[in-house]
Amino acid sequence: MVGKLERGKDVTQQLVESAATHVGRITVIITGAVAGVAREIGDWVTDGFEMVEAAKRAEQDKPRELRQREDYAEYEDEDADYDADDAER
């Protein structure tokens, strides 16, 4: 017959083993989630870098004449704003 002390030891041993197993599984879940979040954030930032680079390449691909016209149009817009401010005074 198993004594009270030995039964207590067996129950304690089972509880510790069960706790260790569950903590290990939970740790794996959390580790996987953190890795997944880090991967998604990294992919998102990479997308941003790629969009910026694509915009730069698109700007460089424009014909020079078109870029000059756009610069002139921006200058005219600024000049029109300046004239409107003068007219109000």
PDB file of N, CA and C in Angstrom:
ATOM      1  N   MET A   1       0.838  -1.176   0.000  1.00  0.00           N
ATOM      2  CA  MET A   1       0.000   0.000   0.000  1.00  0.00           C
ATOM      3  C   MET A   1       0.886   1.244   0.000  1.00  0.00           C
ATOM      4  N   VAL A   2       0.462   2.220  -0.810  1.00  0.00           N
ATOM      5  CA  VAL A   2       1.217   3.455  -0.973  1.00  0.00           C
ATOM      6  C   VAL A   2       0.865   4.388   0.182  1.00  0.00           C
ATOM      7  N   GLY A   3       1.894   4.968   0.772  1.00  0.00           N
ATOM      8  CA  GLY A   3       1.665   5.853   1.908  1.00  0.00           C
ATOM      9  C   GLY A   3       1.222   7.242   1.468  1.00  0.00           C
ATOM     10  N   LYS A   4       0.755   8.003   2.445  1.00  0.00           N
ATOM     11  CA  LYS A   4       0.250   9.354   2.194  1.00  0.00           C
ATOM     12  C   LYS A   4       1.348  10.253   1.617  1.00  0.00           C
ATOM     13  N   LEU A   5       2.542  10.153   2.122  1.00  0.00           N
ATOM     14  CA  LEU A   5       3.653  10.971   1.654  1.00  0.00           C
ATOM     15  C   LEU A   5       3.981  10.669   0.192  1.00  0.00           C
ATOM     16  N   GLU A   6       3.991   9.379  -0.168  1.00  0.00           N
ATOM     17  CA  GLU A   6       4.301   8.991  -1.550  1.00  0.00           C
ATOM     18  C   GLU A   6       3.209   9.447  -2.503  1.00  0.00           C
ATOM     19  N   ARG A   7       1.946   9.370  -2.082  1.00  0.00           N
ATOM     20  CA  ARG A   7       0.843   9.853  -2.927  1.00  0.00           C
ATOM     21  C   ARG A   7       0.979  11.359  -3.157  1.00  0.00           C
ATOM     22  N   GLY A   8       1.320  12.074  -2.125  1.00  0.00           N
ATOM     23  CA  GLY A   8       1.514  13.523  -2.246  1.00  0.00           C
ATOM     24  C   GLY A   8       2.632  13.857  -3.213  1.00  0.00           C
ATOM     25  N   LYS A   9       3.724  13.079  -3.117  1.00  0.00           N
ATOM     26  CA  LYS A   9       4.850  13.265  -4.041  1.00  0.00           C
ATOM     27  C   LYS A   9       4.421  12.988  -5.474  1.00  0.00           C
ATOM     28  N   ASP A  10       3.665  11.918  -5.686  1.00  0.00           N
ATOM     29  CA  ASP A  10       3.213  11.560  -7.040  1.00  0.00           C
ATOM     30  C   ASP A  10       2.292  12.635  -7.624  1.00  0.00           C
ATOM     31  N   VAL A  11       1.376  13.139  -6.813  1.00  0.00           N
ATOM     32  CA  VAL A  11       0.462  14.187  -7.273  1.00  0.00           C
ATOM     33  C   VAL A  11       1.249  15.457  -7.605  1.00  0.00           C
ATOM     34  N   THR A  12       2.173  15.824  -6.737  1.00  0.00           N
ATOM     35  CA  THR A  12       3.000  17.007  -6.972  1.00  0.00           C
ATOM     36  C   THR A  12       3.813  16.852  -8.249  1.00  0.00           C
ATOM     37  N   GLN A  13       4.380  15.665  -8.442  1.00  0.00           N
ATOM     38  CA  GLN A  13       5.173  15.399  -9.645  1.00  0.00           C
ATOM     39  C   GLN A  13       4.310  15.531 -10.896  1.00  0.00           C
ATOM     40  N   GLN A  14       3.115  14.985 -10.870  1.00  0.00           N
ATOM     41  CA  GLN A  14       2.206  15.071 -12.023  1.00  0.00           C
ATOM     42  C   GLN A  14       1.821  16.531 -12.306  1.00  0.00           C
ATOM     43  N   LEU A  15       1.543  17.285 -11.230  1.00  0.00           N
ATOM     44  CA  LEU A  15       1.180  18.696 -11.408  1.00  0.00           C
ATOM     45  C   LEU A  15       2.325  19.502 -12.019  1.00  0.00           C
ATOM     46  N   VAL A  16       3.545  19.265 -11.543  1.00  0.00           N
ATOM     47  CA  VAL A  16       4.707  19.988 -12.068  1.00  0.00           C
ATOM     48  C   VAL A  16       4.947  19.626 -13.528  1.00  0.00           C
ATOM     49  N   GLU A  17       4.856  18.331 -13.855  1.00  0.00           N
ATOM     50  CA  GLU A  17       5.040  17.903 -15.246  1.00  0.00           C
ATOM     51  C   GLU A  17       3.964  18.501 -16.148  1.00  0.00           C
ATOM     52  N   SER A  18       2.720  18.497 -15.680  1.00  0.00           N
ATOM     53  CA  SER A  18       1.619  19.056 -16.463  1.00  0.00           C
ATOM     54  C   SER A  18       1.815  20.559 -16.669  1.00  0.00           C
ATOM     55  N   ALA A  19       2.191  21.254 -15.599  1.00  0.00           N
ATOM     56  CA  ALA A  19       2.421  22.698 -15.703  1.00  0.00           C
ATOM     57  C   ALA A  19       3.543  22.994 -16.685  1.00  0.00           C
ATOM     58  N   ALA A  20       4.634  22.238 -16.602  1.00  0.00           N
ATOM     59  CA  ALA A  20       5.767  22.456 -17.508  1.00  0.00           C
ATOM     60  C   ALA A  20       5.351  22.232 -18.955  1.00  0.00           C
ATOM     61  N   THR A  21       4.568  21.200 -19.198  1.00  0.00           N
ATOM     62  CA  THR A  21       4.099  20.905 -20.555  1.00  0.00           C
ATOM     63  C   THR A  21       3.229  22.043 -21.087  1.00  0.00           C
ATOM     64  N   HIS A  22       2.277  22.501 -20.271  1.00  0.00           N
ATOM     65  CA  HIS A  22       1.375  23.568 -20.718  1.00  0.00           C
ATOM     66  C   HIS A  22       2.114  24.894 -20.906  1.00  0.00           C
ATOM     67  N   VAL A  23       3.019  25.210 -19.992  1.00  0.00           N
ATOM     68  CA  VAL A  23       3.805  26.441 -20.135  1.00  0.00           C
ATOM     69  C   VAL A  23       4.642  26.371 -21.413  1.00  0.00           C
ATOM     70  N   GLY A  24       5.205  25.212 -21.691  1.00  0.00           N
ATOM     71  CA  GLY A  24       5.981  25.037 -22.922  1.00  0.00           C
ATOM     72  C   GLY A  24       5.133  25.253 -24.160  1.00  0.00           C
ATOM     73  N   ARG A  25       3.927  24.695 -24.161  1.00  0.00           N
ATOM     74  CA  ARG A  25       3.029  24.870 -25.315  1.00  0.00           C
ATOM     75  C   ARG A  25       2.613  26.330 -25.478  1.00  0.00           C
ATOM     76  N   ILE A  26       2.297  26.968 -24.350  1.00  0.00           N
ATOM     77  CA  ILE A  26       1.914  28.382 -24.397  1.00  0.00           C
ATOM     78  C   ILE A  26       3.074  29.222 -24.922  1.00  0.00           C
ATOM     79  N   THR A  27       4.282  28.906 -24.490  1.00  0.00           N
ATOM     80  CA  THR A  27       5.471  29.633 -24.957  1.00  0.00           C
ATOM     81  C   THR A  27       5.642  29.492 -26.463  1.00  0.00           C
ATOM     82  N   VAL A  28       5.412  28.294 -26.975  1.00  0.00           N
ATOM     83  CA  VAL A  28       5.511  28.070 -28.424  1.00  0.00           C
ATOM     84  C   VAL A  28       4.472  28.916 -29.160  1.00  0.00           C
ATOM     85  N   ILE A  29       3.263  28.973 -28.620  1.00  0.00           N
ATOM     86  CA  ILE A  29       2.201  29.773 -29.247  1.00  0.00           C
ATOM     87  C   ILE A  29       2.589  31.250 -29.267  1.00  0.00           C
ATOM     88  N   ILE A  30       3.061  31.743 -28.118  1.00  0.00           N
ATOM     89  CA  ILE A  30       3.433  33.161 -28.028  1.00  0.00           C
ATOM     90  C   ILE A  30       4.617  33.464 -28.938  1.00  0.00           C
ATOM     91  N   THR A  31       5.600  32.586 -28.943  1.00  0.00           N
ATOM     92  CA  THR A  31       6.775  32.787 -29.793  1.00  0.00           C
ATOM     93  C   THR A  31       6.370  32.836 -31.264  1.00  0.00           C
ATOM     94  N   GLY A  32       5.489  31.933 -31.658  1.00  0.00           N
ATOM     95  CA  GLY A  32       5.006  31.935 -33.040  1.00  0.00           C
ATOM     96  C   GLY A  32       4.246  33.205 -33.378  1.00  0.00           C
ATOM     97  N   ALA A  33       3.436  33.671 -32.423  1.00  0.00           N
ATOM     98  CA  ALA A  33       2.670  34.894 -32.663  1.00  0.00           C
ATOM     99  C   ALA A  33       3.594  36.103 -32.794  1.00  0.00           C
ATOM    100  N   VAL A  34       4.579  36.196 -31.911  1.00  0.00           N
ATOM    101  CA  VAL A  34       5.525  37.317 -31.976  1.00  0.00           C
ATOM    102  C   VAL A  34       6.294  37.281 -33.295  1.00  0.00           C
ATOM    103  N   ALA A  35       6.721  36.095 -33.693  1.00  0.00           N
ATOM    104  CA  ALA A  35       7.441  35.963 -34.965  1.00  0.00           C
ATOM    105  C   ALA A  35       6.541  36.367 -36.134  1.00  0.00           C
ATOM    106  N   GLY A  36       5.279  35.954 -36.086  1.00  0.00           N
ATOM    107  CA  GLY A  36       4.343  36.315 -37.148  1.00  0.00           C
ATOM    108  C   GLY A  36       4.108  37.813 -37.233  1.00  0.00           C
ATOM    109  N   VAL A  37       3.951  38.448 -36.074  1.00  0.00           N
ATOM    110  CA  VAL A  37       3.750  39.898 -36.048  1.00  0.00           C
ATOM    111  C   VAL A  37       4.992  40.611 -36.584  1.00  0.00           C
ATOM    112  N   ALA A  38       6.165  40.172 -36.147  1.00  0.00           N
ATOM    113  CA  ALA A  38       7.413  40.783 -36.629  1.00  0.00           C
ATOM    114  C   ALA A  38       7.544  40.623 -38.139  1.00  0.00           C
ATOM    115  N   ARG A  39       7.178  39.469 -38.658  1.00  0.00           N
ATOM    116  CA  ARG A  39       7.254  39.222 -40.096  1.00  0.00           C
ATOM    117  C   ARG A  39       6.305  40.158 -40.845  1.00  0.00           C
ATOM    118  N   GLU A  40       5.076  40.299 -40.348  1.00  0.00           N
ATOM    119  CA  GLU A  40       4.102  41.163 -41.016  1.00  0.00           C
ATOM    120  C   GLU A  40       4.541  42.624 -40.996  1.00  0.00           C
ATOM    121  N   ILE A  41       5.067  43.083 -39.867  1.00  0.00           N
ATOM    122  CA  ILE A  41       5.547  44.463 -39.784  1.00  0.00           C
ATOM    123  C   ILE A  41       6.713  44.667 -40.746  1.00  0.00           C
ATOM    124  N   GLY A  42       7.616  43.706 -40.793  1.00  0.00           N
ATOM    125  CA  GLY A  42       8.743  43.795 -41.720  1.00  0.00           C
ATOM    126  C   GLY A  42       8.291  43.843 -43.166  1.00  0.00           C
ATOM    127  N   ASP A  43       7.310  43.004 -43.515  1.00  0.00           N
ATOM    128  CA  ASP A  43       6.779  43.013 -44.881  1.00  0.00           C
ATOM    129  C   ASP A  43       6.124  44.353 -45.206  1.00  0.00           C
ATOM    130  N   TRP A  44       5.412  44.906 -44.226  1.00  0.00           N
ATOM    131  CA  TRP A  44       4.728  46.181 -44.420  1.00  0.00           C
ATOM    132  C   TRP A  44       5.744  47.296 -44.666  1.00  0.00           C
ATOM    133  N   VAL A  45       6.794  47.336 -43.867  1.00  0.00           N
ATOM    134  CA  VAL A  45       7.836  48.351 -44.038  1.00  0.00           C
ATOM    135  C   VAL A  45       8.535  48.170 -45.386  1.00  0.00           C
ATOM    136  N   THR A  46       8.795  46.919 -45.764  1.00  0.00           N
ATOM    137  CA  THR A  46       9.407  46.643 -47.067  1.00  0.00           C
ATOM    138  C   THR A  46       8.520  47.164 -48.194  1.00  0.00           C
ATOM    139  N   ASP A  47       7.204  46.959 -48.080  1.00  0.00           N
ATOM    140  CA  ASP A  47       6.278  47.494 -49.082  1.00  0.00           C
ATOM    141  C   ASP A  47       6.421  49.009 -49.196  1.00  0.00           C
ATOM    142  N   GLY A  48       6.554  49.673 -48.058  1.00  0.00           N
ATOM    143  CA  GLY A  48       6.726  51.126 -48.073  1.00  0.00           C
ATOM    144  C   GLY A  48       7.994  51.539 -48.798  1.00  0.00           C
ATOM    145  N   PHE A  49       9.115  50.844 -48.497  1.00  0.00           N
ATOM    146  CA  PHE A  49      10.375  51.144 -49.189  1.00  0.00           C
ATOM    147  C   PHE A  49      10.223  50.932 -50.693  1.00  0.00           C
ATOM    148  N   GLU A  50       9.571  49.842 -51.078  1.00  0.00           N
ATOM    149  CA  GLU A  50       9.398  49.546 -52.503  1.00  0.00           C
ATOM    150  C   GLU A  50       8.548  50.605 -53.189  1.00  0.00           C
ATOM    151  N   MET A  51       7.520  51.105 -52.489  1.00  0.00           N
ATOM    152  CA  MET A  51       6.675  52.147 -53.081  1.00  0.00           C
ATOM    153  C   MET A  51       7.458  53.443 -53.278  1.00  0.00           C
ATOM    154  N   VAL A  52       8.282  53.794 -52.302  1.00  0.00           N
ATOM    155  CA  VAL A  52       9.103  55.005 -52.422  1.00  0.00           C
ATOM    156  C   VAL A  52      10.074  54.863 -53.591  1.00  0.00           C
ATOM    157  N   GLU A  53      10.731  53.716 -53.684  1.00  0.00           N
ATOM    158  CA  GLU A  53      11.670  53.481 -54.789  1.00  0.00           C
ATOM    159  C   GLU A  53      10.954  53.514 -56.135  1.00  0.00           C
ATOM    160  N   ALA A  54       9.760  52.923 -56.205  1.00  0.00           N
ATOM    161  CA  ALA A  54       9.004  52.923 -57.457  1.00  0.00           C
ATOM    162  C   ALA A  54       8.623  54.347 -57.848  1.00  0.00           C
ATOM    163  N   ALA A  55       8.256  55.156 -56.868  1.00  0.00           N
ATOM    164  CA  ALA A  55       7.912  56.551 -57.161  1.00  0.00           C
ATOM    165  C   ALA A  55       9.131  57.307 -57.682  1.00  0.00           C
ATOM    166  N   LYS A  56      10.288  57.052 -57.092  1.00  0.00           N
ATOM    167  CA  LYS A  56      11.518  57.705 -57.563  1.00  0.00           C
ATOM    168  C   LYS A  56      11.839  57.286 -58.991  1.00  0.00           C
ATOM    169  N   ARG A  57      11.713  55.976 -59.266  1.00  0.00           N
ATOM    170  CA  ARG A  57      11.995  55.496 -60.627  1.00  0.00           C
ATOM    171  C   ARG A  57      11.000  56.079 -61.619  1.00  0.00           C
ATOM    172  N   ALA A  58       9.738  56.176 -61.224  1.00  0.00           N
ATOM    173  CA  ALA A  58       8.725  56.740 -62.118  1.00  0.00           C
ATOM    174  C   ALA A  58       9.037  58.201 -62.419  1.00  0.00           C
ATOM    175  N   GLU A  59       9.477  58.928 -61.402  1.00  0.00           N
ATOM    176  CA  GLU A  59       9.837  60.335 -61.610  1.00  0.00           C
ATOM    177  C   GLU A  59      11.023  60.449 -62.561  1.00  0.00           C
ATOM    178  N   GLN A  60      11.995  59.555 -62.414  1.00  0.00           N
ATOM    179  CA  GLN A  60      13.174  59.584 -63.284  1.00  0.00           C
ATOM    180  C   GLN A  60      12.835  59.165 -64.713  1.00  0.00           C
ATOM    181  N   ASP A  61      11.798  58.357 -64.873  1.00  0.00           N
ATOM    182  CA  ASP A  61      11.411  57.891 -66.202  1.00  0.00           C
ATOM    183  C   ASP A  61      10.636  58.941 -66.995  1.00  0.00           C
ATOM    184  N   LYS A  62      10.126  59.966 -66.320  1.00  0.00           N
ATOM    185  CA  LYS A  62       9.374  60.997 -67.030  1.00  0.00           C
ATOM    186  C   LYS A  62      10.297  61.716 -68.001  1.00  0.00           C
ATOM    187  N   PRO A  63       9.773  62.083 -69.142  1.00  0.00           N
ATOM    188  CA  PRO A  63      10.582  62.896 -70.052  1.00  0.00           C
ATOM    189  C   PRO A  63      10.940  64.222 -69.379  1.00  0.00           C
ATOM    190  N   ARG A  64      12.116  64.736 -69.683  1.00  0.00           N
ATOM    191  CA  ARG A  64      12.608  65.965 -69.051  1.00  0.00           C
ATOM    192  C   ARG A  64      11.657  67.131 -69.292  1.00  0.00           C
ATOM    193  N   GLU A  65      11.129  67.206 -70.495  1.00  0.00           N
ATOM    194  CA  GLU A  65      10.231  68.303 -70.846  1.00  0.00           C
ATOM    195  C   GLU A  65       8.988  68.301 -69.950  1.00  0.00           C
ATOM    196  N   LEU A  66       8.448  67.115 -69.685  1.00  0.00           N
ATOM    197  CA  LEU A  66       7.264  67.014 -68.837  1.00  0.00           C
ATOM    198  C   LEU A  66       7.582  67.468 -67.416  1.00  0.00           C
ATOM    199  N   ARG A  67       8.740  67.070 -66.898  1.00  0.00           N
ATOM    200  CA  ARG A  67       9.134  67.497 -65.552  1.00  0.00           C
ATOM    201  C   ARG A  67       9.252  69.016 -65.493  1.00  0.00           C
ATOM    202  N   GLN A  68       9.816  69.613 -66.558  1.00  0.00           N
ATOM    203  CA  GLN A  68       9.967  71.066 -66.581  1.00  0.00           C
ATOM    204  C   GLN A  68       8.601  71.752 -66.611  1.00  0.00           C
ATOM    205  N   ARG A  69       7.655  71.185 -67.372  1.00  0.00           N
ATOM    206  CA  ARG A  69       6.313  71.763 -67.413  1.00  0.00           C
ATOM    207  C   ARG A  69       5.646  71.688 -66.046  1.00  0.00           C
ATOM    208  N   GLU A  70       5.836  70.557 -65.363  1.00  0.00           N
ATOM    209  CA  GLU A  70       5.245  70.419 -64.031  1.00  0.00           C
ATOM    210  C   GLU A  70       5.868  71.414 -63.062  1.00  0.00           C
ATOM    211  N   ASP A  71       7.182  71.600 -63.146  1.00  0.00           N
ATOM    212  CA  ASP A  71       7.843  72.579 -62.284  1.00  0.00           C
ATOM    213  C   ASP A  71       7.311  73.981 -62.572  1.00  0.00           C
ATOM    214  N   TYR A  72       7.101  74.274 -63.852  1.00  0.00           N
ATOM    215  CA  TYR A  72       6.579  75.580 -64.243  1.00  0.00           C
ATOM    216  C   TYR A  72       5.158  75.757 -63.712  1.00  0.00           C
ATOM    217  N   ALA A  73       4.342  74.701 -63.811  1.00  0.00           N
ATOM    218  CA  ALA A  73       2.965  74.770 -63.319  1.00  0.00           C
ATOM    219  C   ALA A  73       2.950  75.014 -61.811  1.00  0.00           C
ATOM    220  N   GLU A  74       3.839  74.373 -61.077  1.00  0.00           N
ATOM    221  CA  GLU A  74       3.923  74.607 -59.636  1.00  0.00           C
ATOM    222  C   GLU A  74       4.333  76.052 -59.364  1.00  0.00           C
ATOM    223  N   TYR A  75       5.265  76.571 -60.167  1.00  0.00           N
ATOM    224  CA  TYR A  75       5.704  77.960 -60.011  1.00  0.00           C
ATOM    225  C   TYR A  75       4.536  78.907 -60.265  1.00  0.00           C
ATOM    226  N   GLU A  76       3.740  78.630 -61.304  1.00  0.00           N
ATOM    227  CA  GLU A  76       2.588  79.473 -61.612  1.00  0.00           C
ATOM    228  C   GLU A  76       1.580  79.442 -60.472  1.00  0.00           C
ATOM    229  N   ASP A  77       1.348  78.265 -59.881  1.00  0.00           N
ATOM    230  CA  ASP A  77       0.419  78.153 -58.757  1.00  0.00           C
ATOM    231  C   ASP A  77       0.899  78.993 -57.579  1.00  0.00           C
ATOM    232  N   GLU A  78       2.186  78.927 -57.291  1.00  0.00           N
ATOM    233  CA  GLU A  78       2.739  79.721 -56.195  1.00  0.00           C
ATOM    234  C   GLU A  78       2.626  81.208 -56.508  1.00  0.00           C
ATOM    235  N   ASP A  79       2.870  81.563 -57.768  1.00  0.00           N
ATOM    236  CA  ASP A  79       2.788  82.958 -58.189  1.00  0.00           C
ATOM    237  C   ASP A  79       1.349  83.458 -58.073  1.00  0.00           C
ATOM    238  N   ALA A  80       0.384  82.616 -58.445  1.00  0.00           N
ATOM    239  CA  ALA A  80      -1.028  82.991 -58.349  1.00  0.00           C
ATOM    240  C   ALA A  80      -1.417  83.196 -56.889  1.00  0.00           C
ATOM    241  N   ASP A  81      -0.940  82.358 -56.003  1.00  0.00           N
ATOM    242  CA  ASP A  81      -1.215  82.525 -54.573  1.00  0.00           C
ATOM    243  C   ASP A  81      -0.626  83.834 -54.076  1.00  0.00           C
ATOM    244  N   TYR A  82       0.564  84.151 -54.537  1.00  0.00           N
ATOM    245  CA  TYR A  82       1.237  85.389 -54.133  1.00  0.00           C
ATOM    246  C   TYR A  82       0.443  86.599 -54.623  1.00  0.00           C
ATOM    247  N   ASP A  83      -0.025  86.549 -55.885  1.00  0.00           N
ATOM    248  CA  ASP A  83      -0.810  87.648 -56.447  1.00  0.00           C
ATOM    249  C   ASP A  83      -2.118  87.819 -55.691  1.00  0.00           C
ATOM    250  N   ALA A  84      -2.743  86.731 -55.308  1.00  0.00           N
ATOM    251  CA  ALA A  84      -4.005  86.797 -54.570  1.00  0.00           C
ATOM    252  C   ALA A  84      -3.788  87.447 -53.209  1.00  0.00           C
ATOM    253  N   ASP A  85      -2.666  87.146 -52.581  1.00  0.00           N
ATOM    254  CA  ASP A  85      -2.354  87.763 -51.293  1.00  0.00           C
ATOM    255  C   ASP A  85      -2.152  89.269 -51.456  1.00  0.00           C
ATOM    256  N   ASP A  86      -1.488  89.673 -52.538  1.00  0.00           N
ATOM    257  CA  ASP A  86      -1.258  91.096 -52.791  1.00  0.00           C
ATOM    258  C   ASP A  86      -2.574  91.816 -53.064  1.00  0.00           C
ATOM    259  N   ALA A  87      -3.501  91.161 -53.758  1.00  0.00           N
ATOM    260  CA  ALA A  87      -4.775  91.773 -54.105  1.00  0.00           C
ATOM    261  C   ALA A  87      -5.614  92.021 -52.857  1.00  0.00           C
ATOM    262  N   GLU A  88      -5.448  91.207 -51.847  1.00  0.00           N
ATOM    263  CA  GLU A  88      -6.223  91.366 -50.622  1.00  0.00           C
ATOM    264  C   GLU A  88      -5.746  92.555 -49.811  1.00  0.00           C
ATOM    265  N   ARG A  89      -4.509  92.958 -50.000  1.00  0.00           N
ATOM    266  CA  ARG A  89      -3.939  94.058 -49.193  1.00  0.00           C
ATOM    267  C   ARG A  89      -4.333  95.393 -49.686  1.00  0.00           C
TER     268      ARG A  89
END
